[in-house]
Amino acid sequence: MFTCQICRKVFPPRTPSFKVVTETRPVHYPFRFQAHHFRAPDKRGVIKDQIKDDKGGFSREISREVTACRACAEALRASRLSVPAKTSNVLVKAKTAG
């Protein structure tokens, strides 16, 4: 049982809901020295502790996500697909009802 945050209707139990990303934001991850510690075989096959740096970089994070019914999620996704893929920021993922 859930309430669609777009059309405000209440749906019965065991009806699948969908998480819809409505806004994203750019984020910068800084370089991290010796961030990853792991064990792996070296060139001779001996397992050794190894350390690698995390190079960081740029990405996008979800800043707003709503729970929606199937009809609203599909309608929102279809309306966003008319926008060029480079600027479209709507992702839909199913959430199983339980």
Protein backbone atom coordinates (compact mmCIF):
# COMPACT_ATOMS: atom_id res chain seq x y z
CA MET A 1 0.00 0.00 0.00
CA PHE A 2 1.36 3.38 -0.98
CA THR A 3 0.35 6.88 -2.02
CA CYS A 4 1.54 8.12 -5.39
CA GLN A 5 3.41 11.39 -4.78
CA ILE A 6 2.45 12.67 -8.24
CA CYS A 7 -1.31 11.98 -8.53
CA ARG A 8 -1.91 11.58 -4.73
CA LYS A 9 -3.97 8.38 -5.13
CA VAL A 10 -3.74 5.58 -2.56
CA PHE A 11 -3.05 2.13 -4.03
CA PRO A 12 -3.94 -1.24 -2.45
CA PRO A 13 -1.40 -3.71 -1.02
CA ARG A 14 0.74 -5.73 -3.44
CA THR A 15 0.57 -3.02 -6.10
CA PRO A 16 4.08 -2.27 -7.34
CA SER A 17 5.40 1.24 -6.78
CA PHE A 18 8.15 2.96 -8.74
CA LYS A 19 10.87 5.32 -7.60
CA VAL A 20 11.21 8.19 -10.07
CA VAL A 21 14.22 10.51 -10.00
CA THR A 22 12.98 14.03 -10.66
CA GLU A 23 16.14 16.05 -9.94
CA THR A 24 19.88 15.41 -9.95
CA ARG A 25 22.85 17.57 -9.07
CA PRO A 26 26.49 17.54 -10.19
CA VAL A 27 29.04 16.42 -7.62
CA HIS A 28 32.83 16.37 -7.50
CA TYR A 29 34.65 13.57 -5.70
CA PRO A 30 38.17 14.53 -4.59
CA PHE A 31 41.34 12.47 -5.06
CA ARG A 32 41.93 10.14 -2.08
CA PHE A 33 45.47 8.92 -1.40
CA GLN A 34 45.73 5.19 -0.48
CA ALA A 35 41.95 4.80 -0.24
CA HIS A 36 41.54 1.15 -1.31
CA HIS A 37 43.22 -1.64 0.66
CA PHE A 38 42.86 -5.17 -0.70
CA ARG A 39 44.63 -8.51 -1.07
CA ALA A 40 45.59 -9.76 -4.52
CA PRO A 41 48.23 -11.99 -6.08
CA ASP A 42 51.38 -10.31 -7.33
CA LYS A 43 53.26 -11.30 -10.54
CA ARG A 44 54.62 -14.48 -8.89
CA GLY A 45 51.18 -15.53 -7.61
CA VAL A 46 51.88 -14.70 -3.95
CA ILE A 47 48.94 -13.02 -2.18
CA LYS A 48 50.00 -9.58 -0.94
CA ASP A 49 48.34 -6.57 0.62
CA GLN A 50 47.96 -3.84 -1.97
CA ILE A 51 46.94 -0.20 -1.75
CA LYS A 52 45.50 1.90 -4.57
CA ASP A 53 44.52 5.55 -4.80
CA ASP A 54 41.00 6.69 -5.62
CA LYS A 55 41.28 9.12 -8.52
CA GLY A 56 37.99 10.90 -7.76
CA GLY A 57 36.10 12.66 -10.54
CA PHE A 58 32.75 14.16 -11.49
CA SER A 59 29.33 12.53 -11.43
CA ARG A 60 25.66 13.21 -10.69
CA GLU A 61 23.71 12.43 -7.50
CA ILE A 62 19.98 12.08 -6.93
CA SER A 63 18.65 15.17 -5.17
CA ARG A 64 14.90 14.43 -5.39
CA GLU A 65 13.15 11.09 -5.81
CA VAL A 66 9.40 10.39 -5.57
CA THR A 67 7.28 7.23 -5.22
CA ALA A 68 4.86 6.91 -8.12
CA CYS A 69 2.27 4.55 -9.58
CA ARG A 70 2.97 2.81 -12.89
CA ALA A 71 0.87 5.27 -14.95
CA CYS A 72 2.50 8.38 -13.49
CA ALA A 73 6.01 6.90 -13.75
CA GLU A 74 5.51 5.97 -17.40
CA ALA A 75 3.95 9.34 -18.21
CA LEU A 76 6.79 11.24 -16.55
CA ARG A 77 9.39 9.07 -18.23
CA ALA A 78 7.72 9.51 -21.65
CA SER A 79 7.58 13.28 -21.21
CA ARG A 80 11.28 13.36 -20.27
CA LEU A 81 12.29 11.16 -23.22
CA SER A 82 11.21 13.93 -25.60
CA VAL A 83 14.08 15.97 -24.09
CA PRO A 84 17.53 15.12 -25.53
CA ALA A 85 19.22 12.31 -23.59
CA LYS A 86 22.08 14.57 -22.52
CA THR A 87 19.81 16.76 -20.36
CA SER A 88 17.22 14.15 -19.36
CA ASN A 89 17.54 13.25 -15.68
CA VAL A 90 14.63 10.89 -14.98
CA LEU A 91 15.34 7.32 -13.98
CA VAL A 92 12.65 4.81 -13.05
CA LYS A 93 13.27 1.76 -10.91
CA ALA A 94 10.63 -0.67 -9.70
CA LYS A 95 10.12 -1.25 -5.99
CA THR A 96 8.56 -4.57 -5.12
CA ALA A 97 5.53 -4.43 -2.86
CA GLY A 98 5.77 -6.58 0.20
